[in-house]
Amino acid sequence: MGHFSAAQWFEFARDTAPSEVKALMQRHLENGCDGCQKVSRMWSEVLEISHRELNYNPPPSAIRAAEAAFVPREGWDWLPQIAELARLIFDSINNPHPAAVRGGMTSSRQFLQEAKPFMIDLRVECEPARKRVRLIGQVLNSTEPNKHVANVEVFLLNGEHLAARTKANPSGEFDLEFEEKEGLQLFIDIRGQKVIEIRLPVSSGEFAWKSTV
């Protein structure tokens, strides 16, 4: 009897081979074919490893770190084409500080953006000396405020290139830190729903603001 192919041994290991073929292959193994026994064991081990991988869930922090370390460089110009631009409904720069605190430079700014039925609450903190910006946000469902928005990915583009990305936690909260650059675009991808584009200030001078008397 001839040997069986690697593809057939893969089906044998997955238990998807036709019953007649499976019986022939089993007899072939029992007859002591060394080469086929090695191939059969290899596929069995591969499938066992893959089944174990399904039960392994790395911590979210490790996933975010790995994604940040291996940001792809391919063009992302398609993302703005499928996105819906959010509407700015609140900006803390438009709320004057009380007289006692006017005249100082703040390092944070609050935004509230809307793309119905979703609301995106953003807090931007900047460090002008380091030219670093931290973006803290949460995606909310305005029609079902008690229901968390899950499966949210956040993308930061610099032109056609991906500058940074992260995933929100099950409550729709995310935290992103990046280097200050002009022309940055923020996109919120809610799986199964839509991609939302948020226009960001172009520099830290606009992220932070100085009150005037």
N, C-alpha and C. Protein backbone atom coordinates (compact mmCIF):
# COMPACT_ATOMS: atom_id res chain seq x y z
N MET A 1 0.85 -1.19 0.00
CA MET A 1 0.00 0.00 0.00
C MET A 1 0.89 1.24 0.00
N GLY A 2 0.56 2.25 -0.84
CA GLY A 2 1.34 3.46 -0.92
C GLY A 2 1.14 4.34 0.30
N HIS A 3 2.00 5.36 0.40
CA HIS A 3 1.90 6.30 1.51
C HIS A 3 0.77 7.30 1.26
N PHE A 4 0.29 7.88 2.34
CA PHE A 4 -0.73 8.92 2.25
C PHE A 4 -0.06 10.29 2.26
N SER A 5 -0.73 11.29 1.69
CA SER A 5 -0.16 12.64 1.60
C SER A 5 -0.26 13.36 2.94
N ALA A 6 0.52 14.45 3.06
CA ALA A 6 0.47 15.27 4.28
C ALA A 6 -0.93 15.86 4.49
N ALA A 7 -1.59 16.25 3.38
CA ALA A 7 -2.94 16.80 3.49
C ALA A 7 -3.91 15.76 4.06
N GLN A 8 -3.75 14.51 3.63
CA GLN A 8 -4.63 13.46 4.15
C GLN A 8 -4.37 13.20 5.63
N TRP A 9 -3.09 13.28 6.05
CA TRP A 9 -2.80 13.09 7.47
C TRP A 9 -3.32 14.27 8.29
N PHE A 10 -3.38 15.45 7.68
CA PHE A 10 -3.97 16.61 8.37
C PHE A 10 -5.45 16.36 8.62
N GLU A 11 -6.14 15.84 7.61
CA GLU A 11 -7.56 15.52 7.78
C GLU A 11 -7.75 14.40 8.79
N PHE A 12 -6.82 13.46 8.80
CA PHE A 12 -6.88 12.35 9.75
C PHE A 12 -6.76 12.89 11.18
N ALA A 13 -5.82 13.82 11.39
CA ALA A 13 -5.62 14.39 12.72
C ALA A 13 -6.83 15.22 13.16
N ARG A 14 -7.48 15.88 12.20
CA ARG A 14 -8.66 16.69 12.51
C ARG A 14 -9.93 15.85 12.60
N ASP A 15 -9.83 14.58 12.26
CA ASP A 15 -10.97 13.66 12.27
C ASP A 15 -12.02 14.08 11.26
N THR A 16 -11.55 14.57 10.11
CA THR A 16 -12.48 14.97 9.05
C THR A 16 -12.34 14.10 7.80
N ALA A 17 -11.44 13.14 7.84
CA ALA A 17 -11.28 12.24 6.69
C ALA A 17 -12.49 11.31 6.57
N PRO A 18 -12.87 10.92 5.35
CA PRO A 18 -13.98 9.95 5.18
C PRO A 18 -13.68 8.68 5.97
N SER A 19 -14.72 8.06 6.50
CA SER A 19 -14.55 6.90 7.38
C SER A 19 -13.77 5.77 6.72
N GLU A 20 -14.01 5.51 5.40
CA GLU A 20 -13.30 4.44 4.72
C GLU A 20 -11.81 4.75 4.63
N VAL A 21 -11.49 6.01 4.29
CA VAL A 21 -10.09 6.42 4.17
C VAL A 21 -9.43 6.41 5.54
N LYS A 22 -10.16 6.86 6.54
CA LYS A 22 -9.61 6.88 7.90
C LYS A 22 -9.24 5.47 8.38
N ALA A 23 -10.08 4.49 8.05
CA ALA A 23 -9.80 3.11 8.45
C ALA A 23 -8.54 2.59 7.76
N LEU A 24 -8.38 2.92 6.47
CA LEU A 24 -7.18 2.51 5.74
C LEU A 24 -5.93 3.15 6.33
N MET A 25 -6.03 4.42 6.70
CA MET A 25 -4.89 5.14 7.25
C MET A 25 -4.52 4.59 8.62
N GLN A 26 -5.53 4.23 9.41
CA GLN A 26 -5.27 3.66 10.73
C GLN A 26 -4.53 2.32 10.60
N ARG A 27 -4.96 1.50 9.63
CA ARG A 27 -4.29 0.21 9.41
C ARG A 27 -2.86 0.43 8.93
N HIS A 28 -2.69 1.49 8.12
CA HIS A 28 -1.35 1.82 7.60
C HIS A 28 -0.41 2.18 8.76
N LEU A 29 -0.92 2.93 9.74
CA LEU A 29 -0.11 3.28 10.91
C LEU A 29 0.22 2.03 11.72
N GLU A 30 -0.78 1.17 11.88
CA GLU A 30 -0.59 -0.05 12.67
C GLU A 30 0.39 -1.01 12.02
N ASN A 31 0.54 -0.91 10.69
CA ASN A 31 1.49 -1.76 9.98
C ASN A 31 2.93 -1.28 10.15
N GLY A 32 3.09 -0.10 10.81
CA GLY A 32 4.43 0.34 11.17
C GLY A 32 5.16 1.20 10.16
N CYS A 33 4.45 1.97 9.34
CA CYS A 33 5.11 2.89 8.39
C CYS A 33 5.71 4.04 9.17
N ASP A 34 7.01 4.09 9.26
CA ASP A 34 7.70 5.08 10.09
C ASP A 34 7.47 6.50 9.58
N GLY A 35 7.57 6.71 8.25
CA GLY A 35 7.40 8.06 7.69
C GLY A 35 6.01 8.62 7.95
N CYS A 36 4.99 7.80 7.72
CA CYS A 36 3.62 8.27 7.93
C CYS A 36 3.31 8.48 9.41
N GLN A 37 3.91 7.67 10.27
CA GLN A 37 3.71 7.86 11.71
C GLN A 37 4.26 9.21 12.16
N LYS A 38 5.40 9.61 11.60
CA LYS A 38 5.99 10.91 11.95
C LYS A 38 5.09 12.06 11.49
N VAL A 39 4.59 11.95 10.26
CA VAL A 39 3.70 13.01 9.74
C VAL A 39 2.43 13.08 10.57
N SER A 40 1.86 11.95 10.92
CA SER A 40 0.64 11.91 11.71
C SER A 40 0.85 12.54 13.08
N ARG A 41 1.99 12.19 13.73
CA ARG A 41 2.28 12.77 15.04
C ARG A 41 2.48 14.29 14.94
N MET A 42 3.15 14.72 13.86
CA MET A 42 3.39 16.15 13.68
C MET A 42 2.07 16.93 13.63
N TRP A 43 1.12 16.45 12.81
CA TRP A 43 -0.16 17.14 12.70
C TRP A 43 -0.94 17.09 14.01
N SER A 44 -0.86 16.00 14.71
CA SER A 44 -1.54 15.90 16.00
C SER A 44 -0.99 16.93 16.99
N GLU A 45 0.34 17.09 16.99
CA GLU A 45 0.96 18.06 17.89
C GLU A 45 0.61 19.49 17.50
N VAL A 46 0.59 19.77 16.19
CA VAL A 46 0.24 21.12 15.71
C VAL A 46 -1.18 21.48 16.14
N LEU A 47 -2.11 20.56 15.95
CA LEU A 47 -3.50 20.82 16.33
C LEU A 47 -3.65 20.96 17.84
N GLU A 48 -2.90 20.19 18.60
CA GLU A 48 -2.97 20.31 20.05
C GLU A 48 -2.49 21.69 20.50
N ILE A 49 -1.41 22.18 19.89
CA ILE A 49 -0.89 23.51 20.23
C ILE A 49 -1.90 24.58 19.87
N SER A 50 -2.51 24.45 18.68
CA SER A 50 -3.49 25.46 18.26
C SER A 50 -4.69 25.48 19.18
N HIS A 51 -5.11 24.33 19.69
CA HIS A 51 -6.24 24.28 20.62
C HIS A 51 -5.89 24.94 21.95
N ARG A 52 -4.63 24.76 22.39
CA ARG A 52 -4.20 25.42 23.62
C ARG A 52 -4.15 26.93 23.46
N GLU A 53 -3.78 27.40 22.25
CA GLU A 53 -3.68 28.84 22.01
C GLU A 53 -5.04 29.52 22.17
N LEU A 54 -6.11 28.80 21.82
CA LEU A 54 -7.44 29.38 21.93
C LEU A 54 -7.80 29.70 23.37
N ASN A 55 -7.20 28.99 24.32
CA ASN A 55 -7.49 29.20 25.73
C ASN A 55 -6.58 30.22 26.39
N TYR A 56 -5.64 30.76 25.61
CA TYR A 56 -4.69 31.73 26.17
C TYR A 56 -5.14 33.14 25.83
N ASN A 57 -5.39 33.95 26.84
CA ASN A 57 -5.79 35.33 26.65
C ASN A 57 -4.77 36.25 27.31
N PRO A 58 -3.88 36.85 26.52
CA PRO A 58 -2.88 37.74 27.11
C PRO A 58 -3.56 38.96 27.71
N PRO A 59 -2.94 39.58 28.72
CA PRO A 59 -3.54 40.77 29.33
C PRO A 59 -3.64 41.91 28.32
N PRO A 60 -4.70 42.74 28.41
CA PRO A 60 -4.87 43.85 27.46
C PRO A 60 -3.65 44.76 27.37
N SER A 61 -2.96 44.98 28.48
CA SER A 61 -1.79 45.86 28.46
C SER A 61 -0.69 45.29 27.56
N ALA A 62 -0.54 43.96 27.56
CA ALA A 62 0.47 43.32 26.71
C ALA A 62 0.09 43.45 25.24
N ILE A 63 -1.20 43.33 24.94
CA ILE A 63 -1.66 43.48 23.56
C ILE A 63 -1.41 44.89 23.07
N ARG A 64 -1.74 45.89 23.91
CA ARG A 64 -1.53 47.29 23.50
C ARG A 64 -0.05 47.57 23.27
N ALA A 65 0.81 47.05 24.13
CA ALA A 65 2.24 47.28 23.99
C ALA A 65 2.78 46.66 22.71
N ALA A 66 2.32 45.45 22.40
CA ALA A 66 2.77 44.78 21.18
C ALA A 66 2.29 45.52 19.94
N GLU A 67 1.05 45.97 19.96
CA GLU A 67 0.52 46.69 18.81
C GLU A 67 1.25 48.01 18.59
N ALA A 68 1.59 48.68 19.68
CA ALA A 68 2.30 49.95 19.58
C ALA A 68 3.72 49.75 19.05
N ALA A 69 4.33 48.60 19.39
CA ALA A 69 5.71 48.33 18.98
C ALA A 69 5.80 47.93 17.52
N PHE A 70 4.73 47.39 16.98
CA PHE A 70 4.75 46.91 15.60
C PHE A 70 3.68 47.61 14.78
N VAL A 71 3.72 48.94 14.77
CA VAL A 71 2.77 49.72 13.98
C VAL A 71 3.10 49.55 12.50
N PRO A 72 2.19 49.07 11.69
CA PRO A 72 2.48 48.89 10.27
C PRO A 72 2.65 50.21 9.56
N ARG A 73 3.39 50.21 8.45
CA ARG A 73 3.70 51.44 7.73
C ARG A 73 2.95 51.58 6.41
N GLU A 74 2.05 50.66 6.10
CA GLU A 74 1.33 50.76 4.85
C GLU A 74 0.36 51.93 4.88
N GLY A 75 -0.08 52.33 3.69
CA GLY A 75 -0.99 53.46 3.60
C GLY A 75 -2.34 53.17 4.24
N TRP A 76 -2.86 54.17 4.92
CA TRP A 76 -4.17 54.06 5.58
C TRP A 76 -5.13 55.11 5.02
N ASP A 77 -4.92 55.52 3.77
CA ASP A 77 -5.75 56.57 3.21
C ASP A 77 -7.20 56.14 3.01
N TRP A 78 -7.46 54.81 3.07
CA TRP A 78 -8.83 54.31 2.90
C TRP A 78 -9.70 54.60 4.11
N LEU A 79 -9.08 54.75 5.30
CA LEU A 79 -9.87 54.88 6.52
C LEU A 79 -10.73 56.15 6.53
N PRO A 80 -10.19 57.33 6.17
CA PRO A 80 -11.05 58.52 6.14
C PRO A 80 -12.22 58.40 5.17
N GLN A 81 -12.05 57.58 4.13
CA GLN A 81 -13.09 57.47 3.12
C GLN A 81 -14.34 56.77 3.63
N ILE A 82 -14.20 55.95 4.67
CA ILE A 82 -15.36 55.21 5.18
C ILE A 82 -15.84 55.78 6.52
N ALA A 83 -15.22 56.87 6.96
CA ALA A 83 -15.54 57.41 8.29
C ALA A 83 -16.60 58.49 8.23
N GLU A 84 -17.32 58.60 9.32
CA GLU A 84 -18.31 59.67 9.51
C GLU A 84 -17.71 60.71 10.45
N LEU A 85 -17.74 61.96 10.05
CA LEU A 85 -17.14 63.02 10.86
C LEU A 85 -18.05 63.34 12.05
N ALA A 86 -17.47 63.30 13.26
CA ALA A 86 -18.23 63.60 14.47
C ALA A 86 -18.45 65.11 14.58
N ARG A 87 -19.50 65.47 15.30
CA ARG A 87 -19.84 66.89 15.51
C ARG A 87 -19.41 67.32 16.91
N LEU A 88 -18.65 68.41 16.98
CA LEU A 88 -18.20 68.93 18.27
C LEU A 88 -19.37 69.62 18.96
N ILE A 89 -19.71 69.15 20.17
CA ILE A 89 -20.82 69.77 20.89
C ILE A 89 -20.37 70.43 22.19
N PHE A 90 -19.12 70.17 22.61
CA PHE A 90 -18.58 70.86 23.79
C PHE A 90 -17.07 70.94 23.68
N ASP A 91 -16.54 72.11 24.01
CA ASP A 91 -15.10 72.33 24.04
C ASP A 91 -14.81 73.23 25.23
N SER A 92 -14.00 72.75 26.15
CA SER A 92 -13.73 73.53 27.37
C SER A 92 -13.04 74.86 27.10
N ILE A 93 -12.46 75.01 25.92
CA ILE A 93 -11.81 76.28 25.61
C ILE A 93 -12.83 77.42 25.53
N ASN A 94 -14.09 77.06 25.30
CA ASN A 94 -15.14 78.07 25.20
C ASN A 94 -15.76 78.43 26.54
N ASN A 95 -15.35 77.74 27.62
CA ASN A 95 -15.86 78.01 28.95
C ASN A 95 -14.83 78.81 29.74
N PRO A 96 -15.04 80.09 29.97
CA PRO A 96 -14.05 80.89 30.70
C PRO A 96 -13.88 80.43 32.13
N HIS A 97 -12.63 80.47 32.61
CA HIS A 97 -12.36 80.12 34.00
C HIS A 97 -12.82 81.23 34.92
N PRO A 98 -13.10 80.91 36.18
CA PRO A 98 -13.41 81.95 37.14
C PRO A 98 -12.26 82.95 37.24
N ALA A 99 -12.59 84.18 37.64
CA ALA A 99 -11.59 85.25 37.68
C ALA A 99 -10.37 84.88 38.51
N ALA A 100 -10.56 84.11 39.57
CA ALA A 100 -9.45 83.79 40.48
C ALA A 100 -8.41 82.91 39.81
N VAL A 101 -8.77 82.17 38.76
CA VAL A 101 -7.81 81.26 38.15
C VAL A 101 -7.44 81.67 36.73
N ARG A 102 -7.96 82.81 36.27
CA ARG A 102 -7.61 83.25 34.93
C ARG A 102 -6.16 83.71 34.87
N GLY A 103 -5.60 83.62 33.66
CA GLY A 103 -4.25 84.09 33.46
C GLY A 103 -3.21 83.00 33.54
N GLY A 104 -3.61 81.77 33.90
CA GLY A 104 -2.65 80.68 33.97
C GLY A 104 -2.79 79.74 32.80
N MET A 105 -1.76 79.01 32.51
CA MET A 105 -1.78 78.04 31.43
C MET A 105 -2.24 76.68 31.95
N THR A 106 -3.27 76.13 31.34
CA THR A 106 -3.71 74.80 31.72
C THR A 106 -3.04 73.78 30.80
N SER A 107 -2.99 72.55 31.23
CA SER A 107 -2.34 71.51 30.42
C SER A 107 -3.36 70.50 29.92
N SER A 108 -4.64 70.80 30.04
CA SER A 108 -5.64 69.84 29.59
C SER A 108 -6.81 70.57 28.95
N ARG A 109 -7.54 69.82 28.17
CA ARG A 109 -8.69 70.37 27.46
C ARG A 109 -9.72 69.26 27.28
N GLN A 110 -10.98 69.58 27.42
CA GLN A 110 -12.06 68.59 27.37
C GLN A 110 -12.88 68.81 26.09
N PHE A 111 -13.20 67.69 25.44
CA PHE A 111 -14.04 67.73 24.24
C PHE A 111 -15.20 66.74 24.41
N LEU A 112 -16.30 67.03 23.78
CA LEU A 112 -17.40 66.07 23.66
C LEU A 112 -17.83 66.07 22.21
N GLN A 113 -17.72 64.90 21.58
CA GLN A 113 -18.05 64.77 20.16
C GLN A 113 -19.25 63.85 20.01
N GLU A 114 -20.03 64.07 18.94
CA GLU A 114 -21.24 63.28 18.72
C GLU A 114 -21.29 62.74 17.30
N ALA A 115 -21.58 61.45 17.20
CA ALA A 115 -21.89 60.80 15.93
C ALA A 115 -23.01 59.83 16.27
N LYS A 116 -24.24 60.28 16.19
CA LYS A 116 -25.39 59.54 16.71
C LYS A 116 -25.40 58.08 16.26
N PRO A 117 -25.68 57.17 17.23
CA PRO A 117 -26.10 57.41 18.61
C PRO A 117 -24.94 57.48 19.59
N PHE A 118 -23.71 57.67 19.11
CA PHE A 118 -22.54 57.59 19.98
C PHE A 118 -22.03 58.97 20.38
N MET A 119 -21.55 59.04 21.61
CA MET A 119 -20.89 60.23 22.14
C MET A 119 -19.47 59.83 22.51
N ILE A 120 -18.51 60.68 22.18
CA ILE A 120 -17.11 60.41 22.53
C ILE A 120 -16.62 61.53 23.44
N ASP A 121 -16.34 61.16 24.68
CA ASP A 121 -15.85 62.10 25.68
C ASP A 121 -14.33 62.02 25.69
N LEU A 122 -13.67 63.15 25.41
CA LEU A 122 -12.21 63.18 25.29
C LEU A 122 -11.60 64.18 26.25
N ARG A 123 -10.50 63.80 26.84
CA ARG A 123 -9.69 64.70 27.66
C ARG A 123 -8.27 64.65 27.10
N VAL A 124 -7.75 65.81 26.74
CA VAL A 124 -6.42 65.90 26.16
C VAL A 124 -5.48 66.57 27.15
N GLU A 125 -4.38 65.90 27.45
CA GLU A 125 -3.37 66.46 28.34
C GLU A 125 -2.07 66.55 27.57
N CYS A 126 -1.45 67.72 27.60
CA CYS A 126 -0.22 67.89 26.83
C CYS A 126 0.93 68.31 27.73
N GLU A 127 2.12 67.93 27.30
CA GLU A 127 3.37 68.31 27.96
C GLU A 127 4.21 69.05 26.93
N PRO A 128 4.09 70.38 26.83
CA PRO A 128 4.80 71.13 25.79
C PRO A 128 6.30 70.92 25.82
N ALA A 129 6.89 70.75 27.00
CA ALA A 129 8.35 70.58 27.09
C ALA A 129 8.79 69.30 26.39
N ARG A 130 8.00 68.22 26.50
CA ARG A 130 8.35 66.94 25.89
C ARG A 130 7.69 66.75 24.53
N LYS A 131 6.79 67.67 24.18
CA LYS A 131 6.02 67.56 22.94
C LYS A 131 5.29 66.22 22.89
N ARG A 132 4.71 65.85 24.03
CA ARG A 132 3.92 64.63 24.13
C ARG A 132 2.48 64.99 24.46
N VAL A 133 1.57 64.20 23.93
CA VAL A 133 0.15 64.42 24.16
C VAL A 133 -0.47 63.11 24.66
N ARG A 134 -1.30 63.21 25.67
CA ARG A 134 -2.03 62.04 26.17
C ARG A 134 -3.50 62.26 25.93
N LEU A 135 -4.15 61.28 25.34
CA LEU A 135 -5.56 61.36 25.00
C LEU A 135 -6.31 60.29 25.77
N ILE A 136 -7.23 60.72 26.63
CA ILE A 136 -8.04 59.80 27.43
C ILE A 136 -9.49 59.95 26.97
N GLY A 137 -10.15 58.86 26.67
CA GLY A 137 -11.50 58.99 26.16
C GLY A 137 -12.39 57.83 26.52
N GLN A 138 -13.68 58.02 26.22
CA GLN A 138 -14.66 56.96 26.42
C GLN A 138 -15.75 57.11 25.38
N VAL A 139 -16.14 55.98 24.80
CA VAL A 139 -17.23 55.96 23.83
C VAL A 139 -18.51 55.55 24.55
N LEU A 140 -19.57 56.35 24.39
CA LEU A 140 -20.84 56.12 25.08
C LEU A 140 -21.97 56.03 24.06
N ASN A 141 -23.01 55.30 24.43
CA ASN A 141 -24.20 55.19 23.60
C ASN A 141 -25.28 56.08 24.19
N SER A 142 -25.62 57.16 23.50
CA SER A 142 -26.56 58.13 24.05
C SER A 142 -27.98 57.60 24.14
N THR A 143 -28.33 56.61 23.31
CA THR A 143 -29.69 56.06 23.36
C THR A 143 -29.82 54.96 24.41
N GLU A 144 -28.70 54.33 24.77
CA GLU A 144 -28.68 53.31 25.82
C GLU A 144 -27.52 53.60 26.76
N PRO A 145 -27.63 54.64 27.59
CA PRO A 145 -26.51 55.09 28.41
C PRO A 145 -26.01 54.05 29.41
N ASN A 146 -26.84 53.09 29.79
CA ASN A 146 -26.41 52.08 30.75
C ASN A 146 -25.73 50.88 30.10
N LYS A 147 -25.65 50.89 28.77
CA LYS A 147 -25.04 49.79 28.03
C LYS A 147 -23.66 50.19 27.57
N HIS A 148 -22.64 49.39 27.95
CA HIS A 148 -21.27 49.69 27.54
C HIS A 148 -21.10 49.46 26.05
N VAL A 149 -20.24 50.28 25.43
CA VAL A 149 -19.91 50.11 24.02
C VAL A 149 -18.62 49.29 23.95
N ALA A 150 -18.73 48.06 23.47
CA ALA A 150 -17.59 47.14 23.43
C ALA A 150 -17.02 47.06 22.02
N ASN A 151 -15.90 46.36 21.89
CA ASN A 151 -15.25 46.13 20.61
C ASN A 151 -14.93 47.43 19.88
N VAL A 152 -14.21 48.30 20.57
CA VAL A 152 -13.84 49.61 20.02
C VAL A 152 -12.32 49.65 19.81
N GLU A 153 -11.90 50.03 18.61
CA GLU A 153 -10.49 50.25 18.32
C GLU A 153 -10.28 51.72 17.98
N VAL A 154 -9.13 52.24 18.38
CA VAL A 154 -8.82 53.65 18.18
C VAL A 154 -7.57 53.76 17.32
N PHE A 155 -7.65 54.54 16.25
CA PHE A 155 -6.54 54.71 15.33
C PHE A 155 -6.16 56.19 15.25
N LEU A 156 -4.87 56.46 15.26
CA LEU A 156 -4.37 57.82 15.09
C LEU A 156 -3.54 57.84 13.83
N LEU A 157 -3.96 58.64 12.85
CA LEU A 157 -3.25 58.70 11.57
C LEU A 157 -2.46 59.99 11.46
N ASN A 158 -1.33 59.87 10.81
CA ASN A 158 -0.52 61.03 10.42
C ASN A 158 -0.43 60.99 8.91
N GLY A 159 -1.33 61.69 8.24
CA GLY A 159 -1.42 61.56 6.80
C GLY A 159 -1.95 60.19 6.44
N GLU A 160 -1.20 59.46 5.61
CA GLU A 160 -1.61 58.12 5.21
C GLU A 160 -1.00 57.04 6.09
N HIS A 161 -0.29 57.44 7.13
CA HIS A 161 0.42 56.47 7.96
C HIS A 161 -0.21 56.35 9.35
N LEU A 162 -0.16 55.15 9.88
CA LEU A 162 -0.69 54.90 11.21
C LEU A 162 0.35 55.32 12.25
N ALA A 163 0.00 56.30 13.07
CA ALA A 163 0.92 56.81 14.09
C ALA A 163 0.81 56.03 15.38
N ALA A 164 -0.41 55.59 15.72
CA ALA A 164 -0.62 54.84 16.96
C ALA A 164 -2.00 54.20 16.89
N ARG A 165 -2.19 53.17 17.72
CA ARG A 165 -3.51 52.55 17.81
C ARG A 165 -3.64 51.89 19.18
N THR A 166 -4.87 51.69 19.61
CA THR A 166 -5.12 51.01 20.86
C THR A 166 -6.53 50.44 20.82
N LYS A 167 -6.85 49.63 21.82
CA LYS A 167 -8.19 49.08 21.95
C LYS A 167 -8.81 49.59 23.24
N ALA A 168 -10.08 49.91 23.17
CA ALA A 168 -10.79 50.34 24.38
C ALA A 168 -11.10 49.13 25.25
N ASN A 169 -11.27 49.38 26.54
CA ASN A 169 -11.65 48.29 27.45
C ASN A 169 -13.14 48.00 27.29
N PRO A 170 -13.69 47.00 27.98
CA PRO A 170 -15.10 46.65 27.80
C PRO A 170 -16.07 47.79 28.11
N SER A 171 -15.61 48.82 28.82
CA SER A 171 -16.47 49.96 29.12
C SER A 171 -16.34 51.07 28.08
N GLY A 172 -15.58 50.82 27.02
CA GLY A 172 -15.42 51.82 25.97
C GLY A 172 -14.38 52.88 26.30
N GLU A 173 -13.55 52.65 27.33
CA GLU A 173 -12.54 53.63 27.73
C GLU A 173 -11.20 53.31 27.07
N PHE A 174 -10.47 54.34 26.69
CA PHE A 174 -9.16 54.14 26.07
C PHE A 174 -8.20 55.24 26.50
N ASP A 175 -6.93 54.95 26.33
CA ASP A 175 -5.85 55.86 26.75
C ASP A 175 -4.76 55.76 25.70
N LEU A 176 -4.42 56.89 25.09
CA LEU A 176 -3.45 56.89 24.00
C LEU A 176 -2.45 58.01 24.22
N GLU A 177 -1.16 57.71 24.11
CA GLU A 177 -0.12 58.72 24.24
C GLU A 177 0.69 58.76 22.96
N PHE A 178 0.99 59.99 22.50
CA PHE A 178 1.68 60.09 21.22
C PHE A 178 2.49 61.38 21.17
N GLU A 179 3.37 61.44 20.17
CA GLU A 179 4.20 62.62 19.96
C GLU A 179 3.40 63.67 19.22
N GLU A 180 3.56 64.92 19.65
CA GLU A 180 2.85 66.01 19.00
C GLU A 180 3.31 66.18 17.56
N LYS A 181 2.35 66.16 16.65
CA LYS A 181 2.63 66.39 15.23
C LYS A 181 1.44 67.11 14.62
N GLU A 182 1.68 67.80 13.53
CA GLU A 182 0.58 68.44 12.81
C GLU A 182 -0.11 67.43 11.91
N GLY A 183 -1.38 67.67 11.65
CA GLY A 183 -2.13 66.84 10.72
C GLY A 183 -2.56 65.50 11.26
N LEU A 184 -2.70 65.37 12.58
CA LEU A 184 -3.13 64.10 13.16
C LEU A 184 -4.65 63.96 13.05
N GLN A 185 -5.09 62.74 12.74
CA GLN A 185 -6.51 62.43 12.64
C GLN A 185 -6.83 61.25 13.55
N LEU A 186 -7.91 61.37 14.30
CA LEU A 186 -8.33 60.32 15.23
C LEU A 186 -9.55 59.61 14.66
N PHE A 187 -9.52 58.27 14.71
CA PHE A 187 -10.64 57.48 14.21
C PHE A 187 -11.06 56.46 15.28
N ILE A 188 -12.35 56.38 15.51
CA ILE A 188 -12.93 55.43 16.45
C ILE A 188 -13.69 54.38 15.65
N ASP A 189 -13.23 53.14 15.71
CA ASP A 189 -13.85 52.05 14.96
C ASP A 189 -14.67 51.19 15.92
N ILE A 190 -15.99 51.29 15.80
CA ILE A 190 -16.91 50.50 16.62
C ILE A 190 -17.33 49.30 15.77
N ARG A 191 -16.85 48.13 16.15
CA ARG A 191 -17.06 46.95 15.31
C ARG A 191 -18.54 46.69 15.08
N GLY A 192 -18.86 46.48 13.81
CA GLY A 192 -20.24 46.20 13.45
C GLY A 192 -21.12 47.43 13.36
N GLN A 193 -20.54 48.61 13.60
CA GLN A 193 -21.33 49.84 13.58
C GLN A 193 -20.80 50.82 12.54
N LYS A 194 -19.77 51.56 12.90
CA LYS A 194 -19.27 52.60 12.01
C LYS A 194 -17.87 53.00 12.43
N VAL A 195 -17.22 53.77 11.56
CA VAL A 195 -15.94 54.40 11.90
C VAL A 195 -16.21 55.89 12.04
N ILE A 196 -15.74 56.47 13.13
CA ILE A 196 -16.00 57.87 13.43
C ILE A 196 -14.68 58.64 13.36
N GLU A 197 -14.68 59.74 12.64
CA GLU A 197 -13.50 60.60 12.56
C GLU A 197 -13.67 61.79 13.50
N ILE A 198 -12.60 62.11 14.22
CA ILE A 198 -12.61 63.25 15.13
C ILE A 198 -11.46 64.18 14.76
N ARG A 199 -11.78 65.42 14.50
CA ARG A 199 -10.76 66.41 14.16
C ARG A 199 -10.06 66.87 15.44
N LEU A 200 -8.74 66.71 15.46
CA LEU A 200 -7.96 67.13 16.61
C LEU A 200 -7.28 68.46 16.33
N PRO A 201 -6.95 69.23 17.38
CA PRO A 201 -6.12 70.43 17.18
C PRO A 201 -4.80 70.03 16.54
N VAL A 202 -4.19 70.96 15.81
CA VAL A 202 -3.00 70.61 15.04
C VAL A 202 -1.72 70.71 15.83
N SER A 203 -1.74 71.32 17.01
CA SER A 203 -0.51 71.45 17.79
C SER A 203 -0.84 71.55 19.26
N SER A 204 0.19 71.38 20.09
CA SER A 204 -0.02 71.46 21.53
C SER A 204 -0.45 72.86 21.94
N GLY A 205 -0.10 73.86 21.15
CA GLY A 205 -0.55 75.22 21.45
C GLY A 205 -2.05 75.34 21.37
N GLU A 206 -2.68 74.44 20.62
CA GLU A 206 -4.14 74.43 20.54
C GLU A 206 -4.74 73.41 21.50
N PHE A 207 -3.98 72.35 21.82
CA PHE A 207 -4.47 71.39 22.80
C PHE A 207 -4.66 72.08 24.15
N ALA A 208 -3.63 72.77 24.61
CA ALA A 208 -3.71 73.53 25.85
C ALA A 208 -4.11 74.95 25.48
N TRP A 209 -4.55 75.72 26.45
CA TRP A 209 -4.96 77.09 26.14
C TRP A 209 -4.73 77.98 27.32
N LYS A 210 -4.54 79.26 27.02
CA LYS A 210 -4.26 80.24 28.06
C LYS A 210 -5.48 81.13 28.26
N SER A 211 -5.92 81.26 29.47
CA SER A 211 -7.05 82.14 29.78
C SER A 211 -6.59 83.59 29.74
N THR A 212 -7.49 84.46 29.39
CA THR A 212 -7.19 85.89 29.39
C THR A 212 -8.10 86.60 30.35
N VAL A 213 -7.62 87.65 30.95
CA VAL A 213 -8.42 88.40 31.93
C VAL A 213 -9.46 89.22 31.20
